[in-house]
N, C-alpha and C. Protein backbone atom coordinates (compact mmCIF):
# COMPACT_ATOMS: atom_id res chain seq x y z
N MET A 1 84.48 106.62 -112.81
CA MET A 1 83.64 106.38 -113.96
C MET A 1 83.40 107.67 -114.74
N LYS A 2 83.13 108.77 -114.01
CA LYS A 2 82.88 110.05 -114.66
C LYS A 2 84.14 110.53 -115.39
N LYS A 3 85.33 110.35 -114.76
CA LYS A 3 86.58 110.76 -115.40
C LYS A 3 86.81 109.95 -116.68
N THR A 4 86.49 108.66 -116.63
CA THR A 4 86.65 107.80 -117.79
C THR A 4 85.77 108.28 -118.93
N PHE A 5 84.52 108.61 -118.62
CA PHE A 5 83.59 109.08 -119.64
C PHE A 5 84.09 110.39 -120.26
N ILE A 6 84.55 111.33 -119.44
CA ILE A 6 85.05 112.62 -119.94
C ILE A 6 86.27 112.41 -120.81
N PHE A 7 87.18 111.51 -120.37
CA PHE A 7 88.38 111.22 -121.14
C PHE A 7 88.00 110.62 -122.50
N ALA A 8 87.04 109.70 -122.49
CA ALA A 8 86.60 109.06 -123.73
C ALA A 8 85.97 110.09 -124.66
N LEU A 9 85.18 111.01 -124.11
CA LEU A 9 84.55 112.04 -124.90
C LEU A 9 85.61 112.96 -125.52
N LEU A 10 86.59 113.37 -124.73
CA LEU A 10 87.66 114.22 -125.24
C LEU A 10 88.48 113.50 -126.30
N LEU A 11 88.77 112.24 -126.04
CA LEU A 11 89.54 111.44 -126.99
C LEU A 11 88.78 111.32 -128.30
N PHE A 12 87.48 111.01 -128.22
CA PHE A 12 86.66 110.85 -129.42
C PHE A 12 86.56 112.15 -130.19
N SER A 13 86.27 113.26 -129.52
CA SER A 13 86.12 114.53 -130.21
C SER A 13 87.44 114.98 -130.83
N GLY A 14 88.55 114.71 -130.18
CA GLY A 14 89.85 115.05 -130.74
C GLY A 14 90.16 114.24 -131.98
N MET A 15 89.81 112.96 -131.93
CA MET A 15 90.05 112.10 -133.09
C MET A 15 89.16 112.52 -134.25
N ALA A 16 87.91 112.82 -133.96
CA ALA A 16 86.98 113.19 -135.02
C ALA A 16 87.45 114.48 -135.69
N ALA A 17 87.89 115.43 -134.90
CA ALA A 17 88.35 116.70 -135.47
C ALA A 17 89.62 116.50 -136.29
N GLY A 18 90.54 115.66 -135.81
CA GLY A 18 91.78 115.41 -136.52
C GLY A 18 91.57 114.61 -137.78
N HIS A 19 90.54 113.78 -137.79
CA HIS A 19 90.31 112.89 -138.92
C HIS A 19 89.53 113.58 -140.03
N ALA A 20 88.87 114.66 -139.72
CA ALA A 20 88.01 115.33 -140.70
C ALA A 20 88.76 116.45 -141.42
N GLN A 21 89.91 116.15 -141.95
CA GLN A 21 90.68 117.14 -142.69
C GLN A 21 90.02 117.38 -144.05
N SER A 22 90.07 118.61 -144.50
CA SER A 22 89.51 118.93 -145.81
C SER A 22 90.45 118.44 -146.90
N LYS A 23 89.89 118.29 -148.10
CA LYS A 23 90.68 117.87 -149.26
C LYS A 23 91.85 118.83 -149.48
N LYS A 24 91.58 120.12 -149.28
CA LYS A 24 92.61 121.16 -149.46
C LYS A 24 93.75 120.97 -148.45
N GLU A 25 93.40 120.69 -147.19
CA GLU A 25 94.42 120.48 -146.16
C GLU A 25 95.23 119.20 -146.42
N ILE A 26 94.53 118.16 -146.84
CA ILE A 26 95.21 116.90 -147.14
C ILE A 26 96.24 117.10 -148.24
N LYS A 27 95.86 117.84 -149.28
CA LYS A 27 96.78 118.13 -150.39
C LYS A 27 97.96 118.98 -149.91
N ALA A 28 97.67 120.05 -149.18
CA ALA A 28 98.71 120.96 -148.72
C ALA A 28 99.71 120.27 -147.78
N LEU A 29 99.20 119.40 -146.92
CA LEU A 29 100.07 118.70 -145.96
C LEU A 29 100.67 117.42 -146.52
N LYS A 30 100.30 117.07 -147.76
CA LYS A 30 100.78 115.87 -148.44
C LYS A 30 100.50 114.60 -147.64
N ILE A 31 99.29 114.54 -147.06
CA ILE A 31 98.89 113.36 -146.29
C ILE A 31 98.62 112.22 -147.26
N LYS A 32 99.21 111.07 -146.99
CA LYS A 32 99.03 109.90 -147.84
C LYS A 32 97.95 108.97 -147.31
N THR A 33 97.91 108.80 -145.99
CA THR A 33 96.90 107.93 -145.37
C THR A 33 96.47 108.52 -144.03
N ALA A 34 95.28 108.09 -143.59
CA ALA A 34 94.77 108.47 -142.28
C ALA A 34 94.09 107.25 -141.68
N THR A 35 94.36 106.99 -140.42
CA THR A 35 93.76 105.85 -139.72
C THR A 35 93.06 106.34 -138.47
N GLU A 36 91.84 105.87 -138.26
CA GLU A 36 91.09 106.22 -137.06
C GLU A 36 91.02 105.00 -136.16
N THR A 37 91.43 105.18 -134.92
CA THR A 37 91.37 104.13 -133.91
C THR A 37 90.40 104.56 -132.84
N VAL A 38 89.55 103.64 -132.40
CA VAL A 38 88.54 103.94 -131.39
C VAL A 38 88.83 103.14 -130.13
N THR A 39 88.71 103.80 -129.00
CA THR A 39 88.81 103.14 -127.70
C THR A 39 87.49 103.36 -126.98
N SER A 40 86.90 102.26 -126.52
CA SER A 40 85.67 102.37 -125.75
C SER A 40 85.81 101.53 -124.50
N TRP A 41 84.91 101.78 -123.56
CA TRP A 41 84.93 101.05 -122.31
C TRP A 41 83.64 100.26 -122.20
N GLU A 42 83.77 98.95 -122.24
CA GLU A 42 82.62 98.06 -122.18
C GLU A 42 82.73 97.20 -120.94
N SER A 43 81.76 97.34 -120.07
CA SER A 43 81.73 96.60 -118.78
C SER A 43 83.02 96.82 -118.00
N GLY A 44 83.51 98.06 -118.01
CA GLY A 44 84.71 98.42 -117.26
C GLY A 44 86.00 97.99 -117.93
N LYS A 45 85.93 97.42 -119.13
CA LYS A 45 87.12 96.95 -119.83
C LYS A 45 87.38 97.85 -121.04
N GLU A 46 88.63 98.24 -121.23
CA GLU A 46 89.02 99.07 -122.35
C GLU A 46 89.17 98.22 -123.61
N VAL A 47 88.51 98.64 -124.68
CA VAL A 47 88.58 97.92 -125.95
C VAL A 47 89.01 98.92 -127.02
N THR A 48 90.06 98.58 -127.77
CA THR A 48 90.57 99.46 -128.81
C THR A 48 90.59 98.72 -130.15
N TRP A 49 90.15 99.40 -131.21
CA TRP A 49 90.20 98.79 -132.53
C TRP A 49 90.36 99.87 -133.59
N LYS A 50 90.89 99.46 -134.74
CA LYS A 50 91.01 100.35 -135.90
C LYS A 50 89.63 100.39 -136.55
N SER A 51 89.05 101.58 -136.65
CA SER A 51 87.70 101.67 -137.20
C SER A 51 87.67 102.12 -138.66
N GLU A 52 88.70 102.88 -139.09
CA GLU A 52 88.68 103.38 -140.46
C GLU A 52 90.09 103.65 -140.96
N TYR A 53 90.28 103.41 -142.25
CA TYR A 53 91.55 103.70 -142.92
C TYR A 53 91.21 104.41 -144.23
N LYS A 54 91.94 105.49 -144.54
CA LYS A 54 91.76 106.20 -145.80
C LYS A 54 93.11 106.41 -146.46
N ALA A 55 93.14 106.28 -147.79
CA ALA A 55 94.33 106.59 -148.58
C ALA A 55 93.96 107.72 -149.54
N PHE A 56 94.91 108.62 -149.79
CA PHE A 56 94.66 109.80 -150.61
C PHE A 56 95.65 109.88 -151.76
N ASP A 57 95.23 110.49 -152.86
CA ASP A 57 96.16 110.77 -153.95
C ASP A 57 96.80 112.14 -153.69
N LYS A 58 97.68 112.58 -154.59
CA LYS A 58 98.41 113.83 -154.37
C LYS A 58 97.51 115.07 -154.43
N GLU A 59 96.28 114.91 -154.96
CA GLU A 59 95.32 116.02 -155.02
C GLU A 59 94.41 116.07 -153.80
N GLY A 60 94.57 115.11 -152.88
CA GLY A 60 93.75 115.08 -151.67
C GLY A 60 92.46 114.30 -151.82
N ASN A 61 92.29 113.62 -152.95
CA ASN A 61 91.10 112.79 -153.17
C ASN A 61 91.23 111.48 -152.40
N THR A 62 90.13 110.99 -151.86
CA THR A 62 90.12 109.71 -151.14
C THR A 62 90.05 108.59 -152.17
N THR A 63 91.15 107.86 -152.35
CA THR A 63 91.21 106.77 -153.33
C THR A 63 90.77 105.44 -152.73
N GLU A 64 90.89 105.32 -151.41
CA GLU A 64 90.48 104.09 -150.73
C GLU A 64 89.97 104.43 -149.34
N GLN A 65 88.87 103.80 -148.95
CA GLN A 65 88.35 103.93 -147.60
C GLN A 65 87.92 102.56 -147.13
N VAL A 66 88.43 102.15 -145.96
CA VAL A 66 88.08 100.86 -145.40
C VAL A 66 87.50 101.09 -144.01
N ASP A 67 86.29 100.57 -143.77
CA ASP A 67 85.65 100.63 -142.46
C ASP A 67 85.73 99.24 -141.86
N TYR A 68 86.08 99.19 -140.56
CA TYR A 68 86.30 97.91 -139.88
C TYR A 68 85.26 97.67 -138.79
N ASN A 69 85.00 96.39 -138.54
CA ASN A 69 84.21 95.98 -137.39
C ASN A 69 85.12 95.97 -136.16
N THR A 70 84.53 95.87 -134.98
CA THR A 70 85.33 95.89 -133.74
C THR A 70 86.28 94.70 -133.65
N ASP A 71 85.99 93.60 -134.37
CA ASP A 71 86.88 92.42 -134.34
C ASP A 71 88.02 92.52 -135.34
N GLY A 72 88.08 93.66 -136.10
CA GLY A 72 89.17 93.86 -137.05
C GLY A 72 88.82 93.44 -138.47
N SER A 73 87.71 92.78 -138.66
CA SER A 73 87.31 92.37 -140.01
C SER A 73 86.80 93.58 -140.80
N VAL A 74 86.91 93.49 -142.11
CA VAL A 74 86.48 94.59 -142.98
C VAL A 74 84.96 94.60 -143.07
N LYS A 75 84.39 95.76 -142.75
CA LYS A 75 82.94 95.95 -142.84
C LYS A 75 82.58 96.40 -144.25
N ARG A 76 83.33 97.39 -144.77
CA ARG A 76 83.04 97.98 -146.08
C ARG A 76 84.31 98.58 -146.64
N LYS A 77 84.49 98.42 -147.95
CA LYS A 77 85.66 98.98 -148.61
C LYS A 77 85.18 99.72 -149.85
N GLU A 78 85.72 100.91 -150.06
CA GLU A 78 85.39 101.71 -151.23
C GLU A 78 86.66 102.13 -151.93
N LEU A 79 86.74 101.86 -153.24
CA LEU A 79 87.89 102.25 -154.05
C LEU A 79 87.41 103.28 -155.07
N ASN A 80 88.12 104.39 -155.21
CA ASN A 80 87.72 105.47 -156.10
C ASN A 80 88.83 105.82 -157.07
N LYS A 81 88.44 106.14 -158.30
CA LYS A 81 89.36 106.65 -159.31
C LYS A 81 88.86 108.01 -159.75
N PHE A 82 89.77 108.92 -160.07
CA PHE A 82 89.43 110.28 -160.44
C PHE A 82 90.00 110.62 -161.81
N ASN A 83 89.30 111.49 -162.54
CA ASN A 83 89.82 111.92 -163.84
C ASN A 83 90.83 113.05 -163.64
N ALA A 84 91.38 113.55 -164.74
CA ALA A 84 92.42 114.58 -164.68
C ALA A 84 91.93 115.88 -164.04
N LYS A 85 90.61 116.12 -164.07
CA LYS A 85 90.05 117.34 -163.47
C LYS A 85 89.73 117.16 -161.99
N GLY A 86 89.93 115.95 -161.46
CA GLY A 86 89.65 115.69 -160.05
C GLY A 86 88.24 115.23 -159.77
N ASP A 87 87.45 114.96 -160.83
CA ASP A 87 86.10 114.45 -160.66
C ASP A 87 86.15 112.94 -160.43
N LYS A 88 85.27 112.44 -159.57
CA LYS A 88 85.21 110.99 -159.35
C LYS A 88 84.74 110.32 -160.63
N ALA A 89 85.56 109.42 -161.18
CA ALA A 89 85.24 108.76 -162.43
C ALA A 89 84.75 107.33 -162.21
N GLU A 90 85.18 106.72 -161.12
CA GLU A 90 84.80 105.34 -160.86
C GLU A 90 84.80 105.07 -159.37
N GLU A 91 83.88 104.21 -158.94
CA GLU A 91 83.75 103.86 -157.53
C GLU A 91 83.42 102.37 -157.44
N ILE A 92 84.17 101.65 -156.63
CA ILE A 92 83.90 100.23 -156.42
C ILE A 92 83.62 100.02 -154.94
N ILE A 93 82.51 99.35 -154.63
CA ILE A 93 82.08 99.10 -153.25
C ILE A 93 82.20 97.61 -152.94
N ILE A 94 82.85 97.30 -151.84
CA ILE A 94 82.90 95.93 -151.33
C ILE A 94 82.28 96.01 -149.95
N ASP A 95 81.05 95.52 -149.82
CA ASP A 95 80.28 95.69 -148.58
C ASP A 95 80.08 94.35 -147.90
N ASN A 96 80.68 94.20 -146.73
CA ASN A 96 80.53 92.97 -145.94
C ASN A 96 79.71 93.21 -144.69
N SER A 97 79.07 94.38 -144.59
CA SER A 97 78.38 94.74 -143.36
C SER A 97 77.07 94.01 -143.17
N GLY A 98 76.49 93.55 -144.25
CA GLY A 98 75.19 92.91 -144.15
C GLY A 98 74.06 93.91 -144.05
N THR A 99 74.38 95.20 -144.02
CA THR A 99 73.34 96.21 -143.94
C THR A 99 72.89 96.57 -145.35
N LYS A 100 71.62 96.79 -145.49
CA LYS A 100 71.06 97.11 -146.80
C LYS A 100 71.29 98.57 -147.13
N LYS A 101 71.71 98.83 -148.34
CA LYS A 101 71.89 100.20 -148.82
C LYS A 101 70.52 100.77 -149.17
N PRO A 102 70.45 102.06 -149.49
CA PRO A 102 69.17 102.62 -149.90
C PRO A 102 68.54 101.79 -151.02
N GLU A 103 67.24 101.76 -151.06
CA GLU A 103 66.46 100.89 -151.94
C GLU A 103 66.99 100.79 -153.36
N GLU A 104 67.27 101.91 -153.99
CA GLU A 104 67.68 101.87 -155.39
C GLU A 104 69.12 101.42 -155.57
N ASP A 105 69.89 101.36 -154.50
CA ASP A 105 71.30 100.98 -154.59
C ASP A 105 71.61 99.66 -153.91
N ASP A 106 70.62 98.84 -153.61
CA ASP A 106 70.89 97.66 -152.80
C ASP A 106 71.78 96.62 -153.48
N LYS A 107 71.91 96.68 -154.81
CA LYS A 107 72.76 95.71 -155.50
C LYS A 107 74.02 96.34 -156.06
N TYR A 108 74.14 97.65 -155.96
CA TYR A 108 75.24 98.33 -156.64
C TYR A 108 76.58 98.12 -155.94
N LYS A 109 77.57 97.74 -156.75
CA LYS A 109 78.91 97.49 -156.23
C LYS A 109 79.97 98.29 -156.97
N HIS A 110 79.61 98.84 -158.11
CA HIS A 110 80.59 99.52 -158.96
C HIS A 110 79.87 100.66 -159.67
N ALA A 111 80.46 101.82 -159.69
CA ALA A 111 79.86 102.97 -160.37
C ALA A 111 80.88 103.62 -161.28
N VAL A 112 80.40 104.12 -162.41
CA VAL A 112 81.24 104.87 -163.34
C VAL A 112 80.53 106.19 -163.60
N TYR A 113 81.30 107.29 -163.55
CA TYR A 113 80.75 108.62 -163.75
C TYR A 113 81.38 109.23 -165.00
N ARG A 114 80.55 109.92 -165.80
CA ARG A 114 81.05 110.58 -167.00
C ARG A 114 80.65 112.05 -166.93
N TYR A 115 81.52 112.92 -167.50
CA TYR A 115 81.35 114.36 -167.40
C TYR A 115 81.42 115.00 -168.78
N ASN A 116 80.80 116.17 -168.92
CA ASN A 116 80.92 116.92 -170.16
C ASN A 116 82.18 117.79 -170.10
N ALA A 117 82.42 118.55 -171.16
CA ALA A 117 83.63 119.37 -171.24
C ALA A 117 83.69 120.44 -170.15
N LYS A 118 82.53 120.83 -169.61
CA LYS A 118 82.48 121.84 -168.56
C LYS A 118 82.70 121.25 -167.17
N GLY A 119 82.78 119.91 -167.08
CA GLY A 119 82.98 119.26 -165.78
C GLY A 119 81.70 118.89 -165.08
N ASP A 120 80.55 118.99 -165.77
CA ASP A 120 79.27 118.61 -165.19
C ASP A 120 79.06 117.11 -165.38
N GLU A 121 78.58 116.44 -164.33
CA GLU A 121 78.30 115.01 -164.44
C GLU A 121 77.12 114.80 -165.38
N ILE A 122 77.31 113.96 -166.41
CA ILE A 122 76.24 113.71 -167.38
C ILE A 122 75.74 112.26 -167.32
N GLU A 123 76.54 111.35 -166.78
CA GLU A 123 76.10 109.96 -166.64
C GLU A 123 76.60 109.37 -165.33
N ASP A 124 75.73 108.59 -164.71
CA ASP A 124 76.04 107.85 -163.50
C ASP A 124 75.59 106.42 -163.78
N LEU A 125 76.55 105.52 -163.96
CA LEU A 125 76.25 104.13 -164.32
C LEU A 125 76.53 103.24 -163.11
N ARG A 126 75.55 102.42 -162.71
CA ARG A 126 75.70 101.54 -161.56
C ARG A 126 75.65 100.08 -162.01
N TYR A 127 76.62 99.30 -161.52
CA TYR A 127 76.75 97.89 -161.88
C TYR A 127 76.69 97.01 -160.64
N ASP A 128 76.22 95.77 -160.83
CA ASP A 128 76.24 94.82 -159.73
C ASP A 128 77.61 94.13 -159.66
N GLU A 129 77.75 93.18 -158.74
CA GLU A 129 79.05 92.53 -158.54
C GLU A 129 79.50 91.71 -159.75
N LYS A 130 78.59 91.37 -160.67
CA LYS A 130 78.94 90.62 -161.88
C LYS A 130 79.29 91.54 -163.05
N GLY A 131 79.16 92.85 -162.85
CA GLY A 131 79.46 93.81 -163.90
C GLY A 131 78.27 94.12 -164.81
N THR A 132 77.08 93.70 -164.39
CA THR A 132 75.87 93.96 -165.17
C THR A 132 75.32 95.33 -164.80
N LEU A 133 75.01 96.13 -165.83
CA LEU A 133 74.42 97.45 -165.60
C LEU A 133 73.05 97.28 -164.97
N ILE A 134 72.85 97.92 -163.81
CA ILE A 134 71.55 97.82 -163.13
C ILE A 134 70.81 99.16 -163.08
N ARG A 135 71.55 100.26 -163.28
CA ARG A 135 70.91 101.58 -163.24
C ARG A 135 71.77 102.60 -163.96
N LYS A 136 71.12 103.49 -164.69
CA LYS A 136 71.83 104.55 -165.40
C LYS A 136 71.05 105.84 -165.22
N THR A 137 71.76 106.90 -164.84
CA THR A 137 71.15 108.22 -164.73
C THR A 137 71.86 109.15 -165.71
N VAL A 138 71.08 109.76 -166.59
CA VAL A 138 71.60 110.71 -167.57
C VAL A 138 71.08 112.09 -167.17
N THR A 139 71.99 113.05 -167.09
CA THR A 139 71.65 114.40 -166.67
C THR A 139 71.86 115.38 -167.82
N SER A 140 70.89 116.27 -168.02
CA SER A 140 70.95 117.30 -169.07
C SER A 140 71.05 118.68 -168.42
N TYR A 141 71.70 119.60 -169.12
CA TYR A 141 71.90 120.96 -168.63
C TYR A 141 71.45 121.96 -169.68
N ASN A 142 71.04 123.15 -169.23
CA ASN A 142 70.72 124.21 -170.18
C ASN A 142 72.00 124.96 -170.54
N SER A 143 71.89 125.97 -171.38
CA SER A 143 73.08 126.71 -171.85
C SER A 143 73.79 127.46 -170.73
N LYS A 144 73.10 127.70 -169.62
CA LYS A 144 73.71 128.38 -168.47
C LYS A 144 74.42 127.41 -167.53
N GLY A 145 74.29 126.11 -167.81
CA GLY A 145 74.93 125.11 -166.95
C GLY A 145 74.05 124.64 -165.81
N ASP A 146 72.76 125.00 -165.83
CA ASP A 146 71.83 124.55 -164.80
C ASP A 146 71.35 123.14 -165.13
N LYS A 147 71.25 122.29 -164.12
CA LYS A 147 70.76 120.93 -164.30
C LYS A 147 69.26 120.99 -164.53
N ILE A 148 68.80 120.62 -165.74
CA ILE A 148 67.38 120.74 -166.05
C ILE A 148 66.64 119.41 -166.01
N MET A 149 67.34 118.28 -166.27
CA MET A 149 66.64 117.00 -166.28
C MET A 149 67.57 115.85 -165.91
N GLU A 150 67.02 114.91 -165.14
CA GLU A 150 67.71 113.65 -164.82
C GLU A 150 66.74 112.52 -165.16
N ILE A 151 67.20 111.59 -165.99
CA ILE A 151 66.37 110.43 -166.30
C ILE A 151 67.13 109.19 -165.83
N THR A 152 66.49 108.41 -164.97
CA THR A 152 67.09 107.19 -164.44
C THR A 152 66.38 105.99 -165.05
N THR A 153 67.19 105.07 -165.60
CA THR A 153 66.65 103.86 -166.22
C THR A 153 67.27 102.63 -165.55
N ASP A 154 66.61 101.48 -165.73
CA ASP A 154 67.20 100.24 -165.24
C ASP A 154 68.19 99.73 -166.29
N GLY A 155 68.76 98.57 -166.07
CA GLY A 155 69.77 98.03 -166.98
C GLY A 155 69.26 97.77 -168.38
N ALA A 156 67.96 97.55 -168.53
CA ALA A 156 67.36 97.29 -169.84
C ALA A 156 66.91 98.57 -170.55
N GLY A 157 67.08 99.72 -169.90
CA GLY A 157 66.70 100.99 -170.50
C GLY A 157 65.31 101.46 -170.16
N LYS A 158 64.59 100.74 -169.30
CA LYS A 158 63.24 101.14 -168.89
C LYS A 158 63.34 102.32 -167.90
N VAL A 159 62.57 103.37 -168.16
CA VAL A 159 62.61 104.55 -167.30
C VAL A 159 62.06 104.21 -165.92
N LEU A 160 62.83 104.56 -164.87
CA LEU A 160 62.42 104.35 -163.49
C LEU A 160 61.94 105.65 -162.85
N LYS A 161 62.63 106.74 -163.21
CA LYS A 161 62.34 108.02 -162.57
C LYS A 161 62.82 109.15 -163.48
N LYS A 162 62.09 110.26 -163.43
CA LYS A 162 62.48 111.45 -164.17
C LYS A 162 62.36 112.65 -163.24
N VAL A 163 63.36 113.51 -163.26
CA VAL A 163 63.37 114.72 -162.44
C VAL A 163 63.57 115.91 -163.37
N ILE A 164 62.68 116.91 -163.27
CA ILE A 164 62.78 118.11 -164.09
C ILE A 164 62.90 119.32 -163.17
N ASN A 165 63.89 120.17 -163.45
CA ASN A 165 64.12 121.39 -162.69
C ASN A 165 63.80 122.60 -163.55
N SER A 166 63.18 123.62 -162.93
CA SER A 166 62.90 124.90 -163.60
C SER A 166 63.64 126.00 -162.85
N TYR A 167 64.06 127.03 -163.61
CA TYR A 167 64.86 128.11 -163.04
C TYR A 167 64.26 129.46 -163.44
N ASP A 168 64.54 130.47 -162.62
CA ASP A 168 64.12 131.82 -162.99
C ASP A 168 65.21 132.48 -163.82
N ASN A 169 65.01 133.75 -164.21
CA ASN A 169 65.98 134.43 -165.07
C ASN A 169 67.31 134.73 -164.37
N LYS A 170 67.37 134.54 -163.05
CA LYS A 170 68.62 134.73 -162.32
C LYS A 170 69.40 133.43 -162.17
N GLY A 171 68.80 132.34 -162.64
CA GLY A 171 69.46 131.05 -162.53
C GLY A 171 69.16 130.31 -161.24
N LEU A 172 68.19 130.80 -160.47
CA LEU A 172 67.81 130.14 -159.22
C LEU A 172 66.72 129.11 -159.51
N ARG A 173 66.87 127.93 -158.93
CA ARG A 173 65.88 126.88 -159.16
C ARG A 173 64.56 127.27 -158.51
N THR A 174 63.47 127.17 -159.26
CA THR A 174 62.15 127.53 -158.76
C THR A 174 61.27 126.31 -158.53
N GLU A 175 61.50 125.24 -159.31
CA GLU A 175 60.72 124.01 -159.15
C GLU A 175 61.57 122.79 -159.41
N ARG A 176 61.20 121.71 -158.71
CA ARG A 176 61.80 120.39 -158.94
C ARG A 176 60.64 119.40 -158.95
N SER A 177 60.39 118.79 -160.11
CA SER A 177 59.28 117.86 -160.27
C SER A 177 59.83 116.45 -160.46
N ILE A 178 59.27 115.49 -159.72
CA ILE A 178 59.73 114.11 -159.76
C ILE A 178 58.60 113.23 -160.29
N TYR A 179 58.90 112.46 -161.34
CA TYR A 179 57.93 111.60 -162.01
C TYR A 179 58.34 110.14 -161.86
N ASP A 180 57.36 109.23 -161.82
CA ASP A 180 57.63 107.80 -161.73
C ASP A 180 57.81 107.20 -163.12
N ALA A 181 57.91 105.88 -163.20
CA ALA A 181 58.13 105.16 -164.46
C ALA A 181 57.01 105.38 -165.46
N ALA A 182 55.79 105.61 -164.98
CA ALA A 182 54.64 105.84 -165.87
C ALA A 182 54.46 107.32 -166.20
N ASP A 183 55.45 108.14 -165.88
CA ASP A 183 55.43 109.58 -166.12
C ASP A 183 54.35 110.29 -165.29
N LYS A 184 54.02 109.70 -164.15
CA LYS A 184 53.06 110.29 -163.22
C LYS A 184 53.83 111.16 -162.22
N LEU A 185 53.35 112.38 -162.02
CA LEU A 185 53.99 113.30 -161.09
C LEU A 185 53.84 112.78 -159.66
N LEU A 186 54.98 112.56 -158.99
CA LEU A 186 54.98 112.08 -157.61
C LEU A 186 55.12 113.21 -156.61
N LYS A 187 56.05 114.13 -156.89
CA LYS A 187 56.32 115.25 -155.98
C LYS A 187 56.70 116.47 -156.78
N LYS A 188 56.33 117.63 -156.22
CA LYS A 188 56.76 118.89 -156.81
C LYS A 188 57.27 119.77 -155.68
N HIS A 189 58.52 120.17 -155.80
CA HIS A 189 59.14 121.07 -154.82
C HIS A 189 59.16 122.46 -155.43
N LYS A 190 58.75 123.46 -154.65
CA LYS A 190 58.81 124.85 -155.11
C LYS A 190 59.78 125.60 -154.20
N PHE A 191 60.59 126.44 -154.83
CA PHE A 191 61.60 127.20 -154.12
C PHE A 191 61.31 128.69 -154.24
N THR A 192 61.32 129.39 -153.13
CA THR A 192 61.14 130.83 -153.13
C THR A 192 62.32 131.46 -152.40
N TYR A 193 62.64 132.67 -152.79
CA TYR A 193 63.81 133.36 -152.26
C TYR A 193 63.43 134.76 -151.80
N THR A 194 64.11 135.23 -150.77
CA THR A 194 63.95 136.62 -150.36
C THR A 194 65.31 137.29 -150.50
N TYR A 195 65.29 138.56 -150.83
CA TYR A 195 66.54 139.29 -151.05
C TYR A 195 66.66 140.42 -150.06
């Protein structure tokens, strides 16, 4: 039993290390797909299943990721499209897991991202499975390229949340203030640095 556990641990850690290739390594090695298979021992019986599949483009971006249940059925599928600069431009989620996503994303199935000329994300649009806009986040930057404000609205344009960042003269963030739909301050984060 102890040998089996050690073997399983070594097998798992080896798979995890082999599967966690960086985008740079994937591009350099021209990896097209990666599949993770898991073997576990349940009640003394060996059970093996494909747990994850990933497909990559020539730049090493993950264009498709499929997570599987132990019975082989698809738990969750994510499809991604990238712009010419390698930024994620679109994301489609097909979730069969039955698990609830974070509160603000519980209905989101499709996302579109837009960027400015400098490559900074300026819009994050979230749609439900019918293609209806359910959430939009618009991000503003100062002349130095620091993210100064994020405003999140629902599909009808009603403000849900506002985040304001302040920076010092070195470009280091000093404050992050989060406001609710009524423009009431909910949280204020302060950042201090030592040199």
